[in-house]
C-alpha cells in the first residue's frame, strides 16, 4: 500500500530522508519488529493520548516498552507549568473515534510519528533518541519508514524528549 499523500508531502516539504519498507500486514509494532527481524527497540509505537478528555498529544516509544502515562503526564505538565498554563489532571489513550475523525487517510494503529503533521505536541522517549535508525509507521499496516532519530527530531523543533516508557510486564 502506498504512503498517504499527506505524509508523502510532509516528508518532502521537510526534506526528511527516509527509506520505504514494504512488509506483510502487521497490527502491532512488536509484530513489525518480528516480521522485519529487527530489534524491537528500533521499531517505534506512536501513541495518541487524550488529556482531560479534550486535548491530545503524540508519544513515541520503543516497541518493546509500554507507555507510562503518569510519567508522560508529569513531563507534559512540567512544560505547561513553565508557560503558566493550566495543568492537566487526566491522561488516557485517545478514543478510536477521535483518531478516525482527526487523522484522515491514516489507519488506526499505524500513525506516523510526526505530530506536526496533525498539529499535536510530540514527545519521544529517550530510549529512541539513542538509536541509529528507527522504523516508524507510515499510515497503513503494510508499509513502514526507516528514518534516523535526528531526522525525526529535525522534522519538528518542538518535539520534547523524556523518559516515559516502562518495561512490559
N, C-alpha and C. Protein backbone atom coordinates (compact mmCIF):
# COMPACT_ATOMS: atom_id res chain seq x y z
N UNK A 1 0.84 -1.19 0.00
CA UNK A 1 0.00 0.00 0.00
C UNK A 1 0.88 1.24 0.00
N UNK A 2 0.52 2.24 -0.78
CA UNK A 2 1.36 3.44 -0.83
C UNK A 2 1.24 4.30 0.44
N UNK A 3 2.26 5.11 0.62
CA UNK A 3 2.25 6.08 1.73
C UNK A 3 1.16 7.11 1.44
N UNK A 4 0.34 7.48 2.44
CA UNK A 4 -0.69 8.51 2.20
C UNK A 4 -0.07 9.80 1.66
N UNK A 5 -0.78 10.46 0.74
CA UNK A 5 -0.30 11.70 0.11
C UNK A 5 0.10 12.76 1.13
N UNK A 6 -0.72 12.92 2.19
CA UNK A 6 -0.43 13.95 3.19
C UNK A 6 0.92 13.70 3.85
N UNK A 7 1.23 12.44 4.14
CA UNK A 7 2.51 12.08 4.74
C UNK A 7 3.64 12.27 3.74
N UNK A 8 3.43 11.83 2.51
CA UNK A 8 4.44 12.00 1.44
C UNK A 8 4.80 13.48 1.27
N UNK A 9 3.79 14.33 1.21
CA UNK A 9 4.01 15.78 1.08
C UNK A 9 4.77 16.34 2.28
N UNK A 10 4.40 15.90 3.49
CA UNK A 10 5.07 16.35 4.71
C UNK A 10 6.55 15.98 4.67
N UNK A 11 6.85 14.74 4.30
CA UNK A 11 8.24 14.28 4.25
C UNK A 11 9.06 15.08 3.23
N UNK A 12 8.47 15.31 2.07
CA UNK A 12 9.17 16.07 1.03
C UNK A 12 9.37 17.53 1.44
N UNK A 13 8.30 18.15 1.95
CA UNK A 13 8.36 19.56 2.36
C UNK A 13 9.43 19.78 3.44
N UNK A 14 9.55 18.83 4.36
CA UNK A 14 10.51 18.96 5.46
C UNK A 14 11.86 18.31 5.17
N UNK A 15 12.03 17.87 3.92
CA UNK A 15 13.30 17.26 3.48
C UNK A 15 13.77 16.16 4.42
N UNK A 16 12.83 15.28 4.80
CA UNK A 16 13.15 14.17 5.69
C UNK A 16 13.59 12.98 4.85
N UNK A 17 14.81 12.53 5.09
CA UNK A 17 15.32 11.37 4.37
C UNK A 17 14.71 10.12 4.99
N UNK A 18 14.21 9.23 4.13
CA UNK A 18 13.60 8.00 4.63
C UNK A 18 13.75 6.90 3.59
N UNK A 19 13.59 5.69 4.07
CA UNK A 19 13.57 4.53 3.18
C UNK A 19 12.22 3.85 3.41
N UNK A 20 11.50 3.61 2.33
CA UNK A 20 10.19 2.94 2.44
C UNK A 20 10.42 1.43 2.55
N UNK A 21 9.72 0.81 3.50
CA UNK A 21 9.83 -0.63 3.70
C UNK A 21 8.44 -1.24 3.59
N UNK A 22 8.28 -2.15 2.64
CA UNK A 22 7.02 -2.87 2.50
C UNK A 22 7.16 -4.22 3.20
N UNK A 23 6.10 -4.64 3.88
CA UNK A 23 6.14 -5.90 4.63
C UNK A 23 4.73 -6.49 4.70
N UNK A 24 4.65 -7.68 5.26
CA UNK A 24 3.32 -8.29 5.39
C UNK A 24 2.48 -7.47 6.37
N UNK A 25 1.20 -7.65 6.33
CA UNK A 25 0.28 -6.91 7.19
C UNK A 25 0.57 -7.22 8.67
N UNK A 26 0.82 -6.15 9.44
CA UNK A 26 1.00 -6.29 10.89
C UNK A 26 0.22 -5.18 11.59
N UNK A 27 -0.26 -5.49 12.79
CA UNK A 27 -1.08 -4.53 13.51
C UNK A 27 -0.41 -3.98 14.78
N UNK A 28 0.75 -4.53 15.14
CA UNK A 28 1.45 -4.01 16.31
C UNK A 28 2.91 -3.76 15.95
N UNK A 29 3.52 -2.86 16.69
CA UNK A 29 4.93 -2.54 16.47
C UNK A 29 5.81 -3.75 16.78
N UNK A 30 5.43 -4.51 17.80
CA UNK A 30 6.22 -5.68 18.17
C UNK A 30 6.18 -6.72 17.04
N UNK A 31 4.99 -6.93 16.45
CA UNK A 31 4.87 -7.85 15.32
C UNK A 31 5.68 -7.35 14.12
N UNK A 32 5.72 -6.04 13.95
CA UNK A 32 6.50 -5.46 12.86
C UNK A 32 7.98 -5.78 13.07
N UNK A 33 8.47 -5.63 14.30
CA UNK A 33 9.87 -5.94 14.60
C UNK A 33 10.17 -7.41 14.30
N UNK A 34 9.26 -8.30 14.69
CA UNK A 34 9.43 -9.73 14.43
C UNK A 34 9.44 -10.01 12.94
N UNK A 35 8.47 -9.45 12.22
CA UNK A 35 8.35 -9.66 10.77
C UNK A 35 9.59 -9.18 10.03
N UNK A 36 10.12 -8.03 10.43
CA UNK A 36 11.28 -7.46 9.75
C UNK A 36 12.61 -7.96 10.33
N UNK A 37 12.51 -8.82 11.33
CA UNK A 37 13.69 -9.38 12.01
C UNK A 37 14.60 -8.27 12.54
N UNK A 38 13.97 -7.34 13.24
CA UNK A 38 14.70 -6.22 13.83
C UNK A 38 14.56 -6.24 15.34
N UNK A 39 15.47 -5.55 15.99
CA UNK A 39 15.36 -5.41 17.45
C UNK A 39 14.16 -4.52 17.73
N UNK A 40 13.30 -4.90 18.68
CA UNK A 40 12.10 -4.10 18.98
C UNK A 40 12.43 -2.68 19.46
N UNK A 41 13.62 -2.46 20.00
CA UNK A 41 13.98 -1.12 20.46
C UNK A 41 14.24 -0.16 19.30
N UNK A 42 14.31 -0.69 18.05
CA UNK A 42 14.47 0.16 16.87
C UNK A 42 13.15 0.45 16.16
N UNK A 43 12.09 -0.23 16.60
CA UNK A 43 10.77 -0.07 15.98
C UNK A 43 9.92 0.77 16.93
N UNK A 44 9.25 1.77 16.38
CA UNK A 44 8.50 2.70 17.24
C UNK A 44 7.02 2.37 17.32
N UNK A 45 6.45 2.74 18.46
CA UNK A 45 5.00 2.74 18.65
C UNK A 45 4.63 4.21 18.77
N UNK A 46 3.69 4.65 17.98
CA UNK A 46 3.20 6.02 18.09
C UNK A 46 1.84 5.96 18.76
N UNK A 47 1.76 6.58 19.91
CA UNK A 47 0.55 6.52 20.73
C UNK A 47 -0.04 7.91 20.86
N UNK A 48 -1.34 8.01 20.65
CA UNK A 48 -2.00 9.30 20.85
C UNK A 48 -2.74 9.23 22.17
N UNK A 49 -2.48 10.24 23.00
CA UNK A 49 -3.13 10.29 24.31
C UNK A 49 -4.10 11.47 24.36
N UNK A 50 -5.08 11.29 25.19
CA UNK A 50 -6.09 12.32 25.44
C UNK A 50 -5.78 12.94 26.80
N UNK A 51 -5.82 14.25 26.86
CA UNK A 51 -5.51 14.99 28.09
C UNK A 51 -6.77 15.69 28.57
N UNK A 52 -7.25 15.30 29.72
CA UNK A 52 -8.50 15.82 30.29
C UNK A 52 -9.68 15.65 29.33
N UNK A 53 -9.56 14.65 28.44
CA UNK A 53 -10.66 14.33 27.54
C UNK A 53 -10.87 15.28 26.37
N UNK A 54 -10.03 16.34 26.25
CA UNK A 54 -10.26 17.30 25.15
C UNK A 54 -9.01 17.60 24.33
N UNK A 55 -7.85 17.71 24.96
CA UNK A 55 -6.60 17.95 24.23
C UNK A 55 -5.93 16.61 23.93
N UNK A 56 -5.05 16.61 22.94
CA UNK A 56 -4.37 15.37 22.57
C UNK A 56 -2.88 15.63 22.34
N UNK A 57 -2.09 14.58 22.48
CA UNK A 57 -0.65 14.64 22.25
C UNK A 57 -0.20 13.31 21.68
N UNK A 58 0.97 13.33 21.08
CA UNK A 58 1.53 12.14 20.45
C UNK A 58 2.78 11.72 21.23
N UNK A 59 2.85 10.44 21.59
CA UNK A 59 4.01 9.90 22.30
C UNK A 59 4.63 8.79 21.47
N UNK A 60 5.95 8.78 21.39
CA UNK A 60 6.67 7.79 20.60
C UNK A 60 7.57 6.99 21.54
N UNK A 61 7.35 5.67 21.56
CA UNK A 61 8.13 4.79 22.44
C UNK A 61 8.60 3.56 21.66
N UNK A 62 9.58 2.82 22.18
CA UNK A 62 10.03 1.60 21.50
C UNK A 62 8.97 0.49 21.58
N UNK A 63 9.00 -0.40 20.59
CA UNK A 63 8.03 -1.50 20.51
C UNK A 63 8.11 -2.46 21.70
N UNK A 64 9.27 -2.53 22.34
CA UNK A 64 9.43 -3.47 23.46
C UNK A 64 9.08 -2.85 24.81
N UNK A 65 8.46 -1.69 24.79
CA UNK A 65 8.10 -0.99 26.05
C UNK A 65 6.62 -0.67 26.06
N UNK A 66 6.14 -0.30 27.24
CA UNK A 66 4.77 0.21 27.41
C UNK A 66 4.85 1.67 27.81
N UNK A 67 3.81 2.40 27.54
CA UNK A 67 3.74 3.80 27.92
C UNK A 67 3.46 3.91 29.41
N UNK A 68 4.23 4.74 30.10
CA UNK A 68 3.96 5.07 31.50
C UNK A 68 3.22 6.40 31.47
N UNK A 69 1.89 6.33 31.54
CA UNK A 69 1.06 7.53 31.38
C UNK A 69 1.34 8.56 32.47
N UNK A 70 1.61 8.11 33.69
CA UNK A 70 1.88 9.07 34.78
C UNK A 70 3.15 9.87 34.52
N UNK A 71 4.18 9.19 34.04
CA UNK A 71 5.44 9.89 33.73
C UNK A 71 5.24 10.87 32.59
N UNK A 72 4.49 10.45 31.56
CA UNK A 72 4.25 11.35 30.42
C UNK A 72 3.45 12.57 30.87
N UNK A 73 2.43 12.36 31.68
CA UNK A 73 1.63 13.48 32.17
C UNK A 73 2.50 14.46 32.97
N UNK A 74 3.41 13.92 33.75
CA UNK A 74 4.32 14.76 34.54
C UNK A 74 5.20 15.62 33.61
N UNK A 75 5.70 15.03 32.52
CA UNK A 75 6.54 15.76 31.56
C UNK A 75 5.71 16.84 30.85
N UNK A 76 4.50 16.47 30.44
CA UNK A 76 3.62 17.44 29.76
C UNK A 76 3.31 18.61 30.69
N UNK A 77 2.96 18.31 31.92
CA UNK A 77 2.61 19.37 32.87
C UNK A 77 3.81 20.23 33.26
N UNK A 78 5.01 19.66 33.27
CA UNK A 78 6.22 20.45 33.57
C UNK A 78 6.38 21.56 32.54
N UNK A 79 6.14 21.22 31.27
CA UNK A 79 6.23 22.22 30.21
C UNK A 79 5.13 23.27 30.32
N UNK A 80 3.94 22.83 30.68
CA UNK A 80 2.81 23.77 30.82
C UNK A 80 3.03 24.71 32.01
N UNK A 81 3.62 24.17 33.07
CA UNK A 81 3.87 24.98 34.26
C UNK A 81 4.84 26.12 33.94
N UNK A 82 5.88 25.81 33.14
CA UNK A 82 6.85 26.83 32.73
C UNK A 82 6.19 27.95 31.95
N UNK A 83 5.12 27.62 31.21
CA UNK A 83 4.42 28.61 30.40
C UNK A 83 3.19 29.16 31.12
N UNK A 84 3.08 28.89 32.41
CA UNK A 84 1.95 29.34 33.24
C UNK A 84 0.60 28.93 32.66
N UNK A 85 0.55 27.71 32.11
CA UNK A 85 -0.71 27.18 31.57
C UNK A 85 -1.35 26.25 32.60
N UNK A 86 -2.64 26.08 32.44
CA UNK A 86 -3.38 25.18 33.32
C UNK A 86 -2.85 23.75 33.17
N UNK A 87 -2.66 23.06 34.28
CA UNK A 87 -2.13 21.70 34.25
C UNK A 87 -3.24 20.70 33.96
N UNK A 88 -2.88 19.62 33.28
CA UNK A 88 -3.83 18.55 33.01
C UNK A 88 -3.92 17.63 34.22
N UNK A 89 -5.12 17.11 34.46
CA UNK A 89 -5.32 16.21 35.59
C UNK A 89 -5.35 14.74 35.15
N UNK A 90 -5.89 14.49 33.95
CA UNK A 90 -6.09 13.11 33.48
C UNK A 90 -5.42 12.86 32.14
N UNK A 91 -4.86 11.66 32.01
CA UNK A 91 -4.30 11.24 30.73
C UNK A 91 -4.83 9.84 30.45
N UNK A 92 -5.19 9.61 29.19
CA UNK A 92 -5.68 8.30 28.79
C UNK A 92 -5.37 8.12 27.30
N UNK A 93 -5.58 6.93 26.79
CA UNK A 93 -5.39 6.71 25.36
C UNK A 93 -6.52 7.37 24.60
N UNK A 94 -6.21 7.94 23.46
CA UNK A 94 -7.22 8.60 22.63
C UNK A 94 -8.24 7.57 22.15
N UNK A 95 -9.45 8.01 22.00
CA UNK A 95 -10.53 7.15 21.52
C UNK A 95 -10.36 6.90 20.02
N UNK A 96 -10.73 5.70 19.60
CA UNK A 96 -10.62 5.33 18.19
C UNK A 96 -11.46 6.27 17.31
N UNK A 97 -12.62 6.68 17.80
CA UNK A 97 -13.49 7.60 17.05
C UNK A 97 -12.76 8.92 16.79
N UNK A 98 -12.08 9.45 17.79
CA UNK A 98 -11.34 10.70 17.64
C UNK A 98 -10.26 10.53 16.56
N UNK A 99 -9.54 9.39 16.62
CA UNK A 99 -8.47 9.17 15.65
C UNK A 99 -9.03 9.08 14.23
N UNK A 100 -10.12 8.36 14.05
CA UNK A 100 -10.72 8.23 12.71
C UNK A 100 -11.17 9.59 12.18
N UNK A 101 -11.68 10.45 13.06
CA UNK A 101 -12.16 11.77 12.64
C UNK A 101 -11.05 12.78 12.41
N UNK A 102 -9.91 12.61 13.07
CA UNK A 102 -8.86 13.63 13.03
C UNK A 102 -7.59 13.23 12.29
N UNK A 103 -7.40 11.97 12.04
CA UNK A 103 -6.20 11.51 11.34
C UNK A 103 -6.61 10.93 10.00
N UNK A 104 -7.03 11.79 9.12
CA UNK A 104 -7.53 11.39 7.81
C UNK A 104 -6.46 10.63 7.03
N UNK A 105 -6.86 9.64 6.31
CA UNK A 105 -6.05 8.79 5.44
C UNK A 105 -5.04 7.90 6.19
N UNK A 106 -5.15 7.87 7.51
CA UNK A 106 -4.25 7.05 8.32
C UNK A 106 -5.08 5.93 8.96
N UNK A 107 -4.57 4.71 8.88
CA UNK A 107 -5.24 3.59 9.53
C UNK A 107 -4.95 3.64 11.03
N UNK A 108 -5.98 3.42 11.84
CA UNK A 108 -5.82 3.44 13.30
C UNK A 108 -4.78 2.40 13.69
N UNK A 109 -3.81 2.82 14.48
CA UNK A 109 -2.75 1.92 14.92
C UNK A 109 -1.51 1.96 14.06
N UNK A 110 -1.51 2.79 13.02
CA UNK A 110 -0.33 2.90 12.16
C UNK A 110 0.10 4.36 12.00
N UNK A 111 -0.16 5.14 13.03
CA UNK A 111 0.10 6.58 12.99
C UNK A 111 1.59 6.88 12.83
N UNK A 112 1.95 7.69 11.85
CA UNK A 112 3.34 8.13 11.72
C UNK A 112 3.71 9.04 12.91
N UNK A 113 4.99 9.11 13.27
CA UNK A 113 5.40 9.84 14.47
C UNK A 113 5.63 11.34 14.26
N UNK A 114 4.88 11.94 13.36
CA UNK A 114 5.09 13.35 13.04
C UNK A 114 3.92 14.17 13.56
N UNK A 115 3.98 14.57 14.83
CA UNK A 115 2.91 15.34 15.45
C UNK A 115 2.62 16.64 14.73
N UNK A 116 3.64 17.23 14.15
CA UNK A 116 3.48 18.49 13.42
C UNK A 116 2.49 18.32 12.27
N UNK A 117 2.48 17.15 11.67
CA UNK A 117 1.56 16.85 10.57
C UNK A 117 0.10 16.96 11.03
N UNK A 118 -0.14 16.62 12.30
CA UNK A 118 -1.51 16.63 12.85
C UNK A 118 -1.73 17.77 13.85
N UNK A 119 -0.74 18.65 13.94
CA UNK A 119 -0.80 19.78 14.89
C UNK A 119 -0.95 19.29 16.33
N UNK A 120 -0.18 18.25 16.67
CA UNK A 120 -0.20 17.68 18.02
C UNK A 120 1.18 17.84 18.65
N UNK A 121 1.22 18.21 19.93
CA UNK A 121 2.52 18.23 20.62
C UNK A 121 3.08 16.80 20.63
N UNK A 122 4.39 16.69 20.46
CA UNK A 122 5.01 15.37 20.31
C UNK A 122 6.09 15.16 21.35
N UNK A 123 6.10 13.93 21.88
CA UNK A 123 7.06 13.54 22.91
C UNK A 123 7.72 12.24 22.47
N UNK A 124 9.06 12.19 22.56
CA UNK A 124 9.79 10.99 22.17
C UNK A 124 10.56 10.46 23.37
N UNK A 125 10.48 9.17 23.57
CA UNK A 125 11.18 8.55 24.69
C UNK A 125 12.69 8.58 24.44
N UNK A 126 13.44 8.85 25.50
CA UNK A 126 14.90 8.94 25.40
C UNK A 126 15.53 7.69 24.79
N UNK A 127 14.94 6.53 25.04
CA UNK A 127 15.50 5.27 24.52
C UNK A 127 15.57 5.28 22.99
N UNK A 128 14.64 5.95 22.33
CA UNK A 128 14.63 6.01 20.87
C UNK A 128 15.65 6.99 20.33
N UNK A 129 15.86 8.08 21.03
CA UNK A 129 16.79 9.11 20.56
C UNK A 129 18.22 8.57 20.48
N UNK A 130 18.51 7.48 21.21
CA UNK A 130 19.86 6.90 21.25
C UNK A 130 20.11 5.91 20.11
N UNK A 131 19.09 5.51 19.38
CA UNK A 131 19.23 4.51 18.32
C UNK A 131 19.85 5.14 17.07
N UNK A 132 20.39 4.29 16.19
CA UNK A 132 20.98 4.80 14.95
C UNK A 132 19.92 4.90 13.85
N UNK A 133 18.92 4.03 13.89
CA UNK A 133 17.82 4.10 12.93
C UNK A 133 16.53 3.71 13.62
N UNK A 134 15.44 4.22 13.09
CA UNK A 134 14.11 3.91 13.63
C UNK A 134 13.22 3.42 12.49
N UNK A 135 12.37 2.47 12.82
CA UNK A 135 11.36 2.01 11.88
C UNK A 135 10.03 2.56 12.42
N UNK A 136 9.37 3.39 11.63
CA UNK A 136 8.16 4.08 12.08
C UNK A 136 6.99 3.76 11.17
N UNK A 137 5.79 3.95 11.70
CA UNK A 137 4.58 3.73 10.93
C UNK A 137 4.47 4.71 9.77
N UNK A 138 3.81 4.23 8.70
CA UNK A 138 3.65 5.07 7.51
C UNK A 138 2.18 5.25 7.14
N UNK A 139 1.30 5.02 8.11
CA UNK A 139 -0.12 5.28 7.86
C UNK A 139 -0.95 4.09 7.44
N UNK A 140 -0.29 2.94 7.23
CA UNK A 140 -1.03 1.72 6.91
C UNK A 140 -0.32 0.52 7.53
N UNK A 141 -0.90 -0.66 7.38
CA UNK A 141 -0.38 -1.85 8.05
C UNK A 141 0.67 -2.62 7.25
N UNK A 142 0.95 -2.18 6.03
CA UNK A 142 1.88 -2.90 5.17
C UNK A 142 3.13 -2.11 4.80
N UNK A 143 3.23 -0.88 5.27
CA UNK A 143 4.36 -0.03 4.92
C UNK A 143 4.92 0.64 6.16
N UNK A 144 6.23 0.74 6.22
CA UNK A 144 6.91 1.46 7.29
C UNK A 144 7.99 2.34 6.68
N UNK A 145 8.53 3.21 7.49
CA UNK A 145 9.62 4.07 7.04
C UNK A 145 10.82 3.84 7.94
N UNK A 146 11.99 3.85 7.34
CA UNK A 146 13.22 3.83 8.12
C UNK A 146 13.77 5.25 8.09
N UNK A 147 13.93 5.83 9.27
CA UNK A 147 14.50 7.18 9.38
C UNK A 147 15.48 7.21 10.55
N UNK A 148 16.29 8.23 10.58
CA UNK A 148 17.21 8.38 11.72
C UNK A 148 16.50 9.20 12.80
N UNK A 149 16.85 8.98 14.06
CA UNK A 149 16.26 9.80 15.12
C UNK A 149 16.51 11.29 14.90
N UNK A 150 17.68 11.63 14.36
CA UNK A 150 17.98 13.05 14.13
C UNK A 150 17.05 13.64 13.07
N UNK A 151 16.69 12.85 12.05
CA UNK A 151 15.75 13.34 11.03
C UNK A 151 14.37 13.56 11.65
N UNK A 152 13.98 12.67 12.54
CA UNK A 152 12.69 12.83 13.22
C UNK A 152 12.70 14.09 14.08
N UNK A 153 13.76 14.29 14.83
CA UNK A 153 13.85 15.47 15.70
C UNK A 153 13.95 16.76 14.90
N UNK A 154 14.63 16.71 13.75
CA UNK A 154 14.74 17.91 12.90
C UNK A 154 13.41 18.27 12.25
N UNK A 155 12.54 17.26 12.08
CA UNK A 155 11.25 17.50 11.41
C UNK A 155 10.34 18.41 12.23
N UNK A 156 10.61 18.49 13.53
CA UNK A 156 9.77 19.29 14.42
C UNK A 156 10.61 19.74 15.61
N UNK A 157 10.98 21.00 15.63
CA UNK A 157 11.85 21.51 16.70
C UNK A 157 11.16 21.54 18.06
N UNK A 158 9.86 21.30 18.08
CA UNK A 158 9.14 21.34 19.37
C UNK A 158 9.01 19.96 20.03
N UNK A 159 9.55 18.92 19.39
CA UNK A 159 9.49 17.58 19.99
C UNK A 159 10.23 17.61 21.32
N UNK A 160 9.61 17.04 22.33
CA UNK A 160 10.20 17.02 23.67
C UNK A 160 10.67 15.60 23.98
N UNK A 161 11.93 15.50 24.40
CA UNK A 161 12.49 14.20 24.81
C UNK A 161 12.25 14.00 26.29
N UNK A 162 12.04 12.75 26.68
CA UNK A 162 11.85 12.43 28.08
C UNK A 162 11.83 10.93 28.29
N UNK A 163 11.79 10.53 29.53
CA UNK A 163 11.76 9.11 29.87
C UNK A 163 10.36 8.78 30.37
N UNK A 164 9.55 8.13 29.51
CA UNK A 164 8.17 7.84 29.90
C UNK A 164 7.70 6.48 29.40
N UNK A 165 8.67 5.57 29.16
CA UNK A 165 8.29 4.19 28.83
C UNK A 165 8.72 3.30 29.98
N UNK A 166 8.11 2.12 30.01
CA UNK A 166 8.48 1.16 31.06
C UNK A 166 8.52 -0.23 30.42
N UNK A 167 9.28 -1.12 31.07
CA UNK A 167 9.37 -2.47 30.54
C UNK A 167 7.99 -3.12 30.57
N UNK A 168 7.74 -3.97 29.57
CA UNK A 168 6.48 -4.71 29.54
C UNK A 168 6.44 -5.66 30.72
N UNK A 169 5.26 -5.81 31.29
CA UNK A 169 5.13 -6.68 32.46
C UNK A 169 4.76 -8.08 32.07
